[in-house]
Amino acid sequence: MAQRVAILGGGVGGLSAAQELAERGFRVAVYEKQSVAGGKARSISVPNTGTEGRKDLPGEHGFRFFPGFYRHIIDTMKRIPYGTNSNGVFDNLAEATRTQIARAGKPSIVLPARLPQNPDDWVAAFRAFFASCGSGVPEQEILFFIDRLLVLLTSCEERRLAEYENIPWWTFIDAANKSVAYQRILAQGQTRSLVAMRAEVSSTRTVGYILLQFYFGAFASASGFDRLLRGPTSDVWIDPWTEHLKRLGIELHLNTPAQKLHVAGGRIAKVTAGGADVEADYYVSALPVEVMAQLVTGEVKQAAPSLANLGALRTAWMNGIQFYLRRDVPVVHGHTLYADSPWALTSISQKQFWDRFDLTAYGDGRVAGILSVDISDWESPGVLYGKPAAACTAGQIAQETWEQLKQHLNVGGARELDDADLLSWFLDPDIRFPNPGTATNAEPLLINTAGSLKHRPEARTEAGNLFLAADYVRTYTDIACMEAANEAARRAVNAILDAAGSPAKRCTLWPLEEPEAFQPVKKLDRLRFSLGLPHGKLA
């Protein structure tokens, strides 16, 4: 009889593990606390907005995007059937063709793309890239930032782990001693907007190398810098995924939160979920770090010591708000980064990508465009109320965000956003208000602070039948995102296959790729590192 696996959590990590295990002959059951699967990736219908037979307006935890360096989740998507698509739900991705930097009171900048071939080309490309942004960062500071990137590119893996893991990005790029423009654009803006990190505290190893992946994608446009879904996330991805899993024989138990891990003999004996005991041969936790940390009792720590410090890992907020407009405002065919926004805003104008969905079939039929915005900084004061987002009411968050958008887009006489066009808005319901102006976040994101790698476990724990499929697991991807969750799930499945002695094919894992041109210099740095020497400059 096939061995049974219980998966705690039905987000991207849990669903990814379920698919890989079912395809390899395991009996799988997923236990999810929400009434729908998908975790942070799920769509959230706006309650009671559909009239005269129309669907409720589509909302999101935050817009989904798939950078060019994503490979694990892309591979999974290609194996999820969708209509007549030859590549499954992967064909529901559209490539964004532009990335815009919008600046308060100044013209916006659309970033260039080019394909460097050697180190000199990369230096020139970085220089052109930052200079063309017209960011106001002094030339010498741009060159210094490029030097920092080249140090990262020419450092060996051993130095990255031993040194850069323990240095905050803010310190590595010497932001404290640079101009306000440098701090706002190159230090804070990129990290908070692109990877939901905090420059002041996040690890250089994490921030630096993920930012490089974004730059590689921007320069090497053939690989696709960014891709976006062609419709609401659940419609074009999550719902087809869960239907496919059910066809594979997977049990999906919704409204069933994990409540307790029971240990016997150094292993997980059973799990309490939704008030009932669940027994299986293997257990996979695909729960967020803040949830899993609450389940790691003393007896769990004794069985799996690598989980003892999950509580030391930090989280931050990155949540979405959607603005529903009576007039479509495309803005740009891709992401817009609002460089001077105190709340580190990024946005996508959805209709231009939702080519298979008629917005008039939603709500009351008046919506012609949706501007989906992510708020990445909940701690800095805004421009209207002088308060951080976490201290605002829902209405104040909407008004403040709208005002920051207008300051960046209504520039030079342009009037891209008009108050008269704003029909309604929807704030991620994970932002909760137990008291007016006191917000909590039900689903924050992990931030990889400097030195935190030592607190992050592998997918296989010391308890012989407990495995992890969540974005805090040590992975190549290394940030809190769908790609990391999927990669962690693959690592957990491979570990289960090893434990079960299964001959089934292991899940493929892809390291992050870097330009081959820097490999010889990295080998030299490995020698220098082994001799206790600091990183050497390029000749």
Protein backbone atom coordinates (compact mmCIF):
# COMPACT_ATOMS: atom_id res chain seq x y z
CA MET A 1 0.00 0.00 0.00
CA ALA A 2 1.21 3.51 -0.82
CA GLN A 3 2.68 5.46 2.05
CA ARG A 4 0.65 8.37 3.39
CA VAL A 5 1.86 11.98 3.70
CA ALA A 6 0.06 14.69 5.65
CA ILE A 7 0.83 18.22 4.47
CA LEU A 8 0.11 21.11 6.83
CA GLY A 9 -0.68 24.23 4.84
CA GLY A 10 -2.25 24.61 1.41
CA GLY A 11 -0.24 27.51 0.07
CA VAL A 12 2.25 27.31 -2.80
CA GLY A 13 4.68 25.17 -0.77
CA GLY A 14 2.02 22.70 0.34
CA LEU A 15 0.38 22.38 -3.07
CA SER A 16 3.78 21.98 -4.75
CA ALA A 17 4.78 19.18 -2.38
CA ALA A 18 1.39 17.51 -2.84
CA GLN A 19 1.73 17.48 -6.62
CA GLU A 20 5.27 16.08 -6.61
CA LEU A 21 4.38 13.37 -4.07
CA ALA A 22 1.15 12.31 -5.79
CA GLU A 23 2.96 12.02 -9.10
CA ARG A 24 5.34 9.60 -7.37
CA GLY A 25 2.63 7.34 -5.97
CA PHE A 26 2.18 8.63 -2.40
CA ARG A 27 -1.22 9.07 -0.77
CA VAL A 28 -1.44 12.74 0.13
CA ALA A 29 -3.75 14.82 2.30
CA VAL A 30 -3.44 18.61 2.63
CA TYR A 31 -4.78 20.50 5.68
CA GLU A 32 -5.41 24.20 5.11
CA LYS A 33 -6.81 26.73 7.61
CA GLN A 34 -8.48 28.96 4.99
CA SER A 35 -11.68 28.19 3.13
CA VAL A 36 -9.70 28.20 -0.14
CA ALA A 37 -6.24 26.95 -1.06
CA GLY A 38 -3.37 29.06 -2.36
CA GLY A 39 -2.10 30.83 0.75
CA LYS A 40 -0.76 34.31 0.02
CA ALA A 41 -1.07 33.62 -3.71
CA ARG A 42 -4.84 33.15 -3.66
CA SER A 43 -7.31 35.64 -5.08
CA ILE A 44 -9.78 37.18 -2.65
CA SER A 45 -13.21 38.10 -3.97
CA VAL A 46 -14.53 41.40 -2.65
CA PRO A 47 -17.67 40.37 -0.72
CA ASN A 48 -21.09 41.49 -1.91
CA THR A 49 -19.81 43.56 -4.85
CA GLY A 50 -21.32 41.54 -7.69
CA THR A 51 -24.75 42.72 -8.88
CA GLU A 52 -27.27 41.47 -11.45
CA GLY A 53 -25.56 38.09 -11.79
CA ARG A 54 -22.02 39.44 -12.10
CA LYS A 55 -19.08 38.03 -10.16
CA ASP A 56 -17.70 39.81 -7.11
CA LEU A 57 -14.76 42.11 -7.87
CA PRO A 58 -11.40 40.28 -7.89
CA GLY A 59 -9.02 41.18 -5.07
CA GLU A 60 -5.53 39.93 -4.24
CA HIS A 61 -3.21 39.60 -1.25
CA GLY A 62 -0.82 41.37 -3.63
CA PHE A 63 -0.17 41.12 -7.35
CA ARG A 64 1.71 38.05 -8.53
CA PHE A 65 4.82 38.40 -10.66
CA PHE A 66 7.27 35.86 -12.01
CA PRO A 67 10.79 37.20 -12.62
CA GLY A 68 12.98 35.67 -15.29
CA PHE A 69 15.10 33.79 -12.77
CA TYR A 70 12.13 31.77 -11.46
CA ARG A 71 12.49 28.16 -12.66
CA HIS A 72 11.01 25.84 -10.02
CA ILE A 73 7.50 27.28 -9.95
CA ILE A 74 7.54 27.66 -13.73
CA ASP A 75 8.30 23.95 -14.15
CA THR A 76 5.38 23.09 -11.85
CA MET A 77 3.00 25.41 -13.71
CA LYS A 78 3.79 23.67 -16.99
CA ARG A 79 2.44 20.45 -15.46
CA ILE A 80 -0.92 21.91 -14.40
CA PRO A 81 -3.48 21.41 -17.19
CA TYR A 82 -5.52 24.39 -18.35
CA GLY A 83 -7.96 24.06 -21.23
CA THR A 84 -6.13 23.60 -24.52
CA ASN A 85 -2.91 25.26 -23.33
CA SER A 86 0.06 23.19 -24.47
CA ASN A 87 2.08 24.30 -21.43
CA GLY A 88 -0.73 24.28 -18.89
CA VAL A 89 -1.18 27.30 -16.65
CA PHE A 90 2.28 28.51 -17.65
CA ASP A 91 0.67 29.75 -20.86
CA ASN A 92 -1.44 32.02 -18.67
CA LEU A 93 1.63 34.19 -18.09
CA ALA A 94 2.20 37.32 -20.14
CA GLU A 95 5.60 38.94 -20.45
CA ALA A 96 5.84 42.52 -19.20
CA THR A 97 7.75 44.69 -21.63
CA ARG A 98 8.60 47.69 -19.46
CA THR A 99 9.57 48.62 -15.90
CA GLN A 100 8.90 52.19 -14.85
CA ILE A 101 10.45 54.29 -12.12
CA ALA A 102 7.93 56.97 -11.20
CA ARG A 103 9.22 59.95 -9.23
CA ALA A 104 7.30 62.53 -7.24
CA GLY A 105 7.13 65.75 -9.24
CA LYS A 106 9.51 64.49 -11.95
CA PRO A 107 9.10 62.63 -15.25
CA SER A 108 9.02 58.85 -15.01
CA ILE A 109 11.85 56.72 -16.34
CA VAL A 110 11.45 53.50 -18.36
CA LEU A 111 14.38 51.16 -17.80
CA PRO A 112 16.53 49.94 -20.75
CA ALA A 113 17.46 46.34 -21.61
CA ARG A 114 20.71 45.00 -23.09
CA LEU A 115 22.70 41.79 -23.19
CA PRO A 116 26.35 42.13 -21.96
CA GLN A 117 28.91 39.50 -22.98
CA ASN A 118 32.00 40.07 -20.79
CA PRO A 119 33.04 41.87 -17.57
CA ASP A 120 33.70 45.16 -19.38
CA ASP A 121 30.27 44.94 -20.97
CA TRP A 122 28.70 44.34 -17.57
CA VAL A 123 30.42 47.39 -16.10
CA ALA A 124 29.17 49.49 -19.01
CA ALA A 125 25.69 48.02 -18.75
CA PHE A 126 25.41 48.70 -15.02
CA ARG A 127 26.61 52.25 -15.56
CA ALA A 128 24.16 52.90 -18.39
CA PHE A 129 21.38 51.24 -16.43
CA PHE A 130 21.68 53.48 -13.38
CA ALA A 131 22.59 56.65 -15.26
CA SER A 132 19.59 56.23 -17.58
CA CYS A 133 17.28 56.07 -14.59
CA GLY A 134 17.83 59.78 -14.08
CA SER A 135 17.58 59.14 -10.38
CA GLY A 136 19.55 62.15 -9.22
CA VAL A 137 22.19 59.90 -7.66
CA PRO A 138 25.64 61.50 -8.15
CA GLU A 139 27.87 59.86 -10.75
CA GLN A 140 30.52 58.89 -8.19
CA GLU A 141 27.92 57.19 -6.04
CA ILE A 142 26.58 55.28 -9.03
CA LEU A 143 30.11 54.07 -9.74
CA PHE A 144 30.55 53.07 -6.11
CA PHE A 145 27.32 51.07 -6.20
CA ILE A 146 28.49 49.34 -9.38
CA ASP A 147 31.76 48.50 -7.63
CA ARG A 148 29.77 46.87 -4.82
CA LEU A 149 27.86 44.76 -7.37
CA LEU A 150 31.09 43.69 -9.04
CA VAL A 151 32.52 42.66 -5.67
CA LEU A 152 29.52 40.41 -5.21
CA LEU A 153 29.83 38.97 -8.71
CA THR A 154 33.50 38.14 -8.28
CA SER A 155 33.27 36.61 -4.79
CA CYS A 156 33.35 32.87 -4.16
CA GLU A 157 30.51 31.02 -2.45
CA GLU A 158 32.58 30.49 0.69
CA ARG A 159 33.10 34.24 1.15
CA ARG A 160 29.43 34.91 0.50
CA LEU A 161 28.44 32.62 3.35
CA ALA A 162 31.18 33.57 5.80
CA GLU A 163 31.20 37.34 5.23
CA TYR A 164 28.26 38.72 3.26
CA GLU A 165 25.64 36.71 5.14
CA ASN A 166 26.57 38.66 8.28
CA ILE A 167 26.71 42.17 6.79
CA PRO A 168 23.53 44.28 6.38
CA TRP A 169 23.02 45.51 2.82
CA TRP A 170 22.91 49.10 4.09
CA THR A 171 26.40 48.70 5.53
CA PHE A 172 27.84 46.86 2.52
CA ILE A 173 26.82 49.63 0.12
CA ASP A 174 27.81 52.35 2.65
CA ALA A 175 24.38 53.97 2.42
CA ALA A 176 24.76 55.94 5.65
CA ASN A 177 27.50 58.06 4.05
CA LYS A 178 25.80 58.66 0.71
CA SER A 179 23.25 61.12 -0.64
CA VAL A 180 19.54 60.99 0.10
CA ALA A 181 18.93 60.00 -3.54
CA TYR A 182 21.35 57.08 -3.19
CA GLN A 183 19.67 55.95 0.01
CA ARG A 184 16.15 56.31 -1.37
CA ILE A 185 16.68 54.81 -4.84
CA LEU A 186 19.57 52.36 -4.67
CA ALA A 187 19.49 51.31 -1.01
CA GLN A 188 15.89 51.37 0.14
CA GLY A 189 13.78 51.64 -3.00
CA GLN A 190 15.01 48.55 -4.77
CA THR A 191 15.08 46.31 -1.73
CA ARG A 192 11.65 47.22 -0.38
CA SER A 193 9.92 47.36 -3.73
CA LEU A 194 11.42 44.34 -5.47
CA VAL A 195 12.23 41.78 -2.80
CA ALA A 196 10.31 43.00 0.27
CA MET A 197 13.52 43.36 2.24
CA ARG A 198 14.85 46.00 4.62
CA ALA A 199 18.16 47.42 3.48
CA GLU A 200 19.14 48.45 7.00
CA VAL A 201 18.94 44.92 8.44
CA SER A 202 18.77 42.40 5.59
CA SER A 203 21.67 40.16 4.69
CA THR A 204 23.93 41.31 1.86
CA ARG A 205 24.13 37.70 0.68
CA THR A 206 20.36 37.63 0.21
CA VAL A 207 19.62 41.16 -1.02
CA GLY A 208 22.69 41.56 -3.21
CA TYR A 209 22.40 38.33 -5.12
CA ILE A 210 18.65 38.55 -5.67
CA LEU A 211 18.99 42.12 -6.94
CA LEU A 212 21.66 40.86 -9.33
CA GLN A 213 19.17 38.30 -10.64
CA PHE A 214 16.74 41.13 -11.40
CA TYR A 215 19.48 43.07 -13.18
CA PHE A 216 20.47 40.03 -15.22
CA GLY A 217 16.87 39.66 -16.30
CA ALA A 218 16.62 43.35 -17.22
CA PHE A 219 19.77 43.21 -19.36
CA ALA A 220 19.18 39.78 -20.89
CA SER A 221 15.70 40.56 -22.15
CA ALA A 222 15.48 37.32 -24.14
CA SER A 223 14.98 35.40 -20.87
CA GLY A 224 12.03 37.55 -19.81
CA PHE A 225 12.63 40.09 -17.07
CA ASP A 226 9.14 39.75 -15.67
CA ARG A 227 5.92 37.87 -16.31
CA LEU A 228 2.41 38.48 -15.02
CA LEU A 229 -0.77 36.43 -14.92
CA ARG A 230 -3.41 36.93 -17.60
CA GLY A 231 -6.25 37.02 -15.08
CA PRO A 232 -7.12 36.82 -11.38
CA THR A 233 -4.67 34.45 -9.70
CA SER A 234 -7.19 31.86 -8.57
CA ASP A 235 -8.96 31.82 -11.93
CA VAL A 236 -5.89 31.19 -14.06
CA TRP A 237 -3.67 29.27 -11.64
CA ILE A 238 -4.82 28.24 -8.16
CA ASP A 239 -8.27 26.83 -9.02
CA PRO A 240 -6.97 24.78 -11.97
CA TRP A 241 -4.15 23.58 -9.71
CA THR A 242 -6.41 22.35 -6.93
CA GLU A 243 -8.68 20.63 -9.47
CA HIS A 244 -5.65 18.87 -10.94
CA LEU A 245 -4.52 17.75 -7.48
CA LYS A 246 -7.95 16.31 -6.75
CA ARG A 247 -7.76 14.34 -10.00
CA LEU A 248 -4.43 12.97 -8.76
CA GLY A 249 -6.26 11.64 -5.71
CA ILE A 250 -5.10 14.25 -3.22
CA GLU A 251 -7.41 14.99 -0.28
CA LEU A 252 -7.81 18.72 0.33
CA HIS A 253 -9.18 19.55 3.79
CA LEU A 254 -10.11 23.24 3.98
CA ASN A 255 -10.96 25.15 7.17
CA THR A 256 -8.66 22.70 8.96
CA PRO A 257 -5.81 24.51 10.73
CA ALA A 258 -2.82 22.66 12.16
CA GLN A 259 -2.97 22.87 15.94
CA LYS A 260 -0.40 20.54 17.52
CA LEU A 261 2.52 18.28 16.65
CA HIS A 262 2.68 15.18 18.83
CA VAL A 263 6.09 13.56 19.36
CA ALA A 264 6.92 9.99 20.37
CA GLY A 265 10.30 8.30 20.13
CA GLY A 266 11.91 11.32 18.49
CA ARG A 267 9.43 11.30 15.59
CA ILE A 268 6.08 12.87 14.84
CA ALA A 269 3.44 10.42 16.04
CA LYS A 270 0.41 12.39 14.89
CA VAL A 271 -0.83 15.91 14.22
CA THR A 272 -3.95 17.59 15.49
CA ALA A 273 -5.63 19.57 12.70
CA GLY A 274 -9.09 21.04 12.86
CA GLY A 275 -9.71 19.36 16.18
CA ALA A 276 -9.02 15.84 14.87
CA ASP A 277 -5.90 13.67 15.03
CA VAL A 278 -4.14 12.91 11.75
CA GLU A 279 -1.74 10.00 11.39
CA ALA A 280 0.60 9.49 8.45
CA ASP A 281 3.95 7.94 7.56
CA TYR A 282 5.46 11.34 6.81
CA TYR A 283 4.52 14.92 7.70
CA VAL A 284 5.32 18.04 5.69
CA SER A 285 4.94 21.46 7.29
CA ALA A 286 4.24 24.07 4.64
CA LEU A 287 3.18 26.62 7.25
CA PRO A 288 4.54 30.19 7.43
CA VAL A 289 7.42 30.66 9.85
CA GLU A 290 5.39 32.63 12.41
CA VAL A 291 2.77 29.85 12.51
CA MET A 292 5.26 27.00 12.62
CA ALA A 293 7.18 28.71 15.42
CA GLN A 294 4.06 28.47 17.61
CA LEU A 295 3.82 24.73 16.99
CA VAL A 296 7.43 24.01 17.88
CA THR A 297 7.08 22.97 21.51
CA GLY A 298 9.87 21.76 23.74
CA GLU A 299 9.37 18.15 22.70
CA VAL A 300 9.43 19.14 19.01
CA LYS A 301 12.68 21.04 19.57
CA GLN A 302 14.17 17.99 21.24
CA ALA A 303 13.24 15.82 18.26
CA ALA A 304 14.29 18.46 15.69
CA PRO A 305 16.86 20.87 17.21
CA SER A 306 17.18 22.81 13.95
CA LEU A 307 13.69 24.23 14.60
CA ALA A 308 14.61 25.67 17.99
CA ASN A 309 15.32 29.19 16.72
CA LEU A 310 12.45 29.80 14.31
CA GLY A 311 11.20 32.47 16.69
CA ALA A 312 14.40 34.44 16.04
CA LEU A 313 13.50 34.91 12.37
CA ARG A 314 11.94 38.27 11.58
CA THR A 315 8.93 39.10 9.45
CA ALA A 316 7.69 42.29 7.81
CA TRP A 317 4.57 43.43 5.98
CA MET A 318 4.00 43.53 2.22
CA ASN A 319 0.31 43.62 1.37
CA GLY A 320 -1.84 44.73 -1.50
CA ILE A 321 -4.63 47.18 -2.16
CA GLN A 322 -6.65 47.31 -5.39
CA PHE A 323 -8.17 50.48 -6.82
CA TYR A 324 -11.15 49.93 -9.13
CA LEU A 325 -11.43 52.60 -11.82
CA ARG A 326 -14.20 53.69 -14.20
CA ARG A 327 -11.46 54.48 -16.76
CA ASP A 328 -8.54 52.17 -17.52
CA VAL A 329 -5.14 53.67 -16.69
CA PRO A 330 -2.47 51.40 -18.25
CA VAL A 331 0.45 53.45 -16.73
CA VAL A 332 3.13 51.14 -18.23
CA HIS A 333 3.21 47.60 -19.63
CA GLY A 334 4.75 46.14 -16.49
CA HIS A 335 5.71 47.21 -12.98
CA THR A 336 5.82 50.76 -11.77
CA LEU A 337 8.12 51.50 -8.83
CA TYR A 338 7.24 54.69 -6.95
CA ALA A 339 10.73 55.82 -6.04
CA ASP A 340 9.85 58.62 -3.64
CA SER A 341 6.85 57.01 -1.98
CA PRO A 342 7.39 56.71 1.77
CA TRP A 343 5.39 53.49 1.76
CA ALA A 344 7.59 51.88 -0.95
CA LEU A 345 4.75 51.35 -3.41
CA THR A 346 4.81 49.25 -6.56
CA SER A 347 1.90 48.72 -8.91
CA ILE A 348 0.53 46.83 -11.90
CA SER A 349 -2.29 48.06 -14.09
CA GLN A 350 -4.10 44.77 -14.59
CA LYS A 351 -6.48 45.12 -17.55
CA GLN A 352 -3.71 45.22 -20.18
CA PHE A 353 -2.64 41.72 -19.06
CA TRP A 354 -6.10 40.27 -18.40
CA ASP A 355 -6.82 39.88 -22.10
CA ARG A 356 -9.14 36.90 -21.52
CA PHE A 357 -11.30 38.55 -18.86
CA ASP A 358 -14.09 41.09 -19.33
CA LEU A 359 -14.04 43.43 -16.34
CA THR A 360 -17.62 44.45 -16.99
CA ALA A 361 -18.59 40.93 -15.86
CA TYR A 362 -17.49 41.86 -12.33
CA GLY A 363 -18.99 44.12 -9.68
CA ASP A 364 -21.69 46.45 -10.97
CA GLY A 365 -20.31 46.49 -14.50
CA ARG A 366 -18.70 49.93 -14.27
CA VAL A 367 -15.10 48.88 -13.59
CA ALA A 368 -12.87 49.51 -16.64
CA GLY A 369 -9.46 49.21 -14.97
CA ILE A 370 -7.76 47.86 -11.85
CA LEU A 371 -4.62 49.36 -10.37
CA SER A 372 -3.15 46.73 -8.05
CA VAL A 373 -0.67 48.20 -5.55
CA ASP A 374 1.71 46.57 -3.08
CA ILE A 375 2.61 48.48 0.09
CA SER A 376 6.05 47.37 1.24
CA ASP A 377 6.82 49.87 4.01
CA TRP A 378 4.30 49.92 6.85
CA GLU A 379 6.59 51.73 9.28
CA SER A 380 7.38 55.12 7.67
CA PRO A 381 5.11 58.18 7.96
CA GLY A 382 2.93 58.99 4.97
CA VAL A 383 2.29 62.31 3.24
CA LEU A 384 -1.33 62.93 4.26
CA TYR A 385 -1.63 61.92 7.90
CA GLY A 386 2.03 61.76 8.96
CA LYS A 387 1.47 58.21 10.21
CA PRO A 388 2.84 54.84 9.11
CA ALA A 389 0.43 52.52 7.35
CA ALA A 390 0.31 50.19 10.36
CA ALA A 391 -1.09 53.05 12.46
CA CYS A 392 -3.76 54.09 9.94
CA THR A 393 -7.34 52.97 9.53
CA ALA A 394 -8.29 51.09 6.35
CA GLY A 395 -9.77 54.25 4.87
CA GLN A 396 -6.67 56.27 5.68
CA ILE A 397 -4.46 53.60 4.08
CA ALA A 398 -6.50 53.84 0.88
CA GLN A 399 -6.46 57.66 0.83
CA GLU A 400 -2.76 57.83 1.65
CA THR A 401 -1.78 55.26 -0.99
CA TRP A 402 -3.91 56.99 -3.63
CA GLU A 403 -2.28 60.33 -2.82
CA GLN A 404 1.24 58.89 -3.09
CA LEU A 405 0.35 57.38 -6.48
CA LYS A 406 -0.98 60.73 -7.73
CA GLN A 407 2.17 62.55 -6.61
CA HIS A 408 4.21 60.24 -8.82
CA LEU A 409 1.94 59.88 -11.86
CA ASN A 410 0.27 63.30 -12.15
CA VAL A 411 3.46 65.09 -13.15
CA GLY A 412 4.10 67.91 -15.62
CA GLY A 413 0.47 68.68 -16.23
CA ALA A 414 -0.47 65.03 -16.79
CA ARG A 415 -3.54 63.71 -14.99
CA GLU A 416 -3.19 59.95 -15.15
CA LEU A 417 -5.13 59.45 -11.93
CA ASP A 418 -8.34 61.41 -11.35
CA ASP A 419 -10.34 61.21 -8.14
CA ALA A 420 -13.52 61.12 -10.22
CA ASP A 421 -12.40 57.81 -11.79
CA LEU A 422 -11.97 56.01 -8.47
CA LEU A 423 -15.01 53.80 -7.94
CA SER A 424 -13.85 51.78 -4.92
CA TRP A 425 -10.88 50.07 -3.33
CA PHE A 426 -10.13 46.79 -1.57
CA LEU A 427 -7.45 46.30 1.09
CA ASP A 428 -6.01 42.84 1.72
CA PRO A 429 -8.17 41.43 4.55
CA ASP A 430 -5.02 40.04 6.20
CA ILE A 431 -4.64 43.61 7.47
CA ARG A 432 -6.96 43.53 10.45
CA PHE A 433 -8.20 46.28 12.70
CA PRO A 434 -9.16 45.05 16.18
CA ASN A 435 -9.29 48.69 17.24
CA PRO A 436 -9.45 51.82 15.06
CA GLY A 437 -6.00 52.65 13.78
CA THR A 438 -4.36 49.57 15.26
CA ALA A 439 -3.60 47.14 12.47
CA THR A 440 -2.30 43.60 12.65
CA ASN A 441 -1.15 41.40 9.77
CA ALA A 442 -2.34 37.79 9.57
CA GLU A 443 0.21 36.84 6.92
CA PRO A 444 3.51 38.76 7.10
CA LEU A 445 6.61 37.90 5.06
CA LEU A 446 9.96 36.58 6.22
CA ILE A 447 12.90 38.97 5.91
CA ASN A 448 16.37 37.44 5.90
CA THR A 449 18.22 39.64 8.35
CA ALA A 450 22.00 39.63 8.49
CA GLY A 451 23.24 36.50 10.23
CA SER A 452 19.83 34.80 10.24
CA LEU A 453 20.83 31.86 8.03
CA LYS A 454 22.00 29.98 11.11
CA HIS A 455 18.40 29.97 12.37
CA ARG A 456 16.94 28.63 9.12
CA PRO A 457 16.56 24.84 8.84
CA GLU A 458 16.96 22.47 5.92
CA ALA A 459 13.89 20.83 4.36
CA ARG A 460 14.78 17.59 6.18
CA THR A 461 14.61 17.84 9.97
CA GLU A 462 16.26 15.61 12.56
CA ALA A 463 12.87 14.08 13.35
CA GLY A 464 12.94 11.28 10.80
CA ASN A 465 9.45 11.83 9.40
CA LEU A 466 9.06 15.63 9.57
CA PHE A 467 9.93 17.76 6.54
CA LEU A 468 9.54 21.44 5.66
CA ALA A 469 8.18 23.07 2.51
CA ALA A 470 8.12 26.79 3.28
CA ASP A 471 10.03 29.90 2.22
CA TYR A 472 12.12 30.07 5.41
CA VAL A 473 13.87 26.81 4.48
CA ARG A 474 17.43 27.05 3.15
CA THR A 475 17.12 27.22 -0.63
CA TYR A 476 18.96 28.58 -3.63
CA THR A 477 16.17 31.16 -4.05
CA ASP A 478 16.65 32.49 -0.51
CA ILE A 479 13.80 35.02 -0.26
CA ALA A 480 10.19 34.87 0.87
CA CYS A 481 8.45 34.17 -2.44
CA MET A 482 6.57 31.53 -4.41
CA GLU A 483 9.76 30.29 -6.04
CA ALA A 484 11.42 29.62 -2.67
CA ALA A 485 8.33 27.83 -1.37
CA ASN A 486 8.22 25.61 -4.46
CA GLU A 487 11.93 24.87 -4.25
CA ALA A 488 11.61 24.01 -0.54
CA ALA A 489 8.75 21.65 -1.40
CA ARG A 490 10.95 19.89 -3.94
CA ARG A 491 13.69 19.51 -1.35
CA ALA A 492 11.19 18.08 1.15
CA VAL A 493 9.88 15.60 -1.42
CA ASN A 494 13.40 14.47 -2.32
CA ALA A 495 14.11 13.92 1.37
CA ILE A 496 10.93 11.85 1.74
CA LEU A 497 11.93 9.76 -1.28
CA ASP A 498 15.30 9.12 0.38
CA ALA A 499 13.68 8.21 3.69
CA ALA A 500 11.22 5.87 1.96
CA GLY A 501 13.92 4.27 -0.16
CA SER A 502 11.90 5.15 -3.24
CA PRO A 503 13.38 4.63 -6.71
CA ALA A 504 11.21 7.46 -8.08
CA LYS A 505 12.91 10.28 -9.94
CA ARG A 506 14.00 13.13 -7.68
CA CYS A 507 12.65 16.64 -8.15
CA THR A 508 14.92 18.92 -10.13
CA LEU A 509 16.61 21.81 -8.30
CA TRP A 510 18.10 24.81 -10.10
CA PRO A 511 20.82 27.03 -8.57
CA LEU A 512 20.70 30.73 -9.39
CA GLU A 513 22.67 31.42 -12.56
CA GLU A 514 25.36 34.07 -12.92
CA PRO A 515 27.34 35.21 -15.99
CA GLU A 516 30.06 32.75 -16.96
CA ALA A 517 32.40 35.66 -17.58
CA PHE A 518 32.96 36.04 -13.82
CA GLN A 519 33.81 32.40 -13.08
CA PRO A 520 37.62 32.74 -13.44
CA VAL A 521 37.69 35.68 -11.02
CA LYS A 522 35.52 33.78 -8.53
CA LYS A 523 38.02 30.89 -8.62
CA LEU A 524 40.81 33.33 -7.81
CA ASP A 525 38.77 34.72 -4.93
CA ARG A 526 38.26 31.18 -3.60
CA LEU A 527 42.04 30.85 -3.40
CA ARG A 528 42.34 34.23 -1.65
CA PHE A 529 39.59 33.26 0.79
CA SER A 530 41.30 29.95 1.62
CA LEU A 531 44.46 31.91 2.42
CA GLY A 532 42.58 34.29 4.70
CA LEU A 533 42.96 37.20 2.28
CA PRO A 534 40.26 39.82 1.60
CA HIS A 535 38.46 40.14 -1.68
CA GLY A 536 40.71 41.56 -4.39
CA LYS A 537 39.71 44.22 -6.87
CA LEU A 538 39.27 43.53 -10.57
CA ALA A 539 42.43 44.37 -12.49
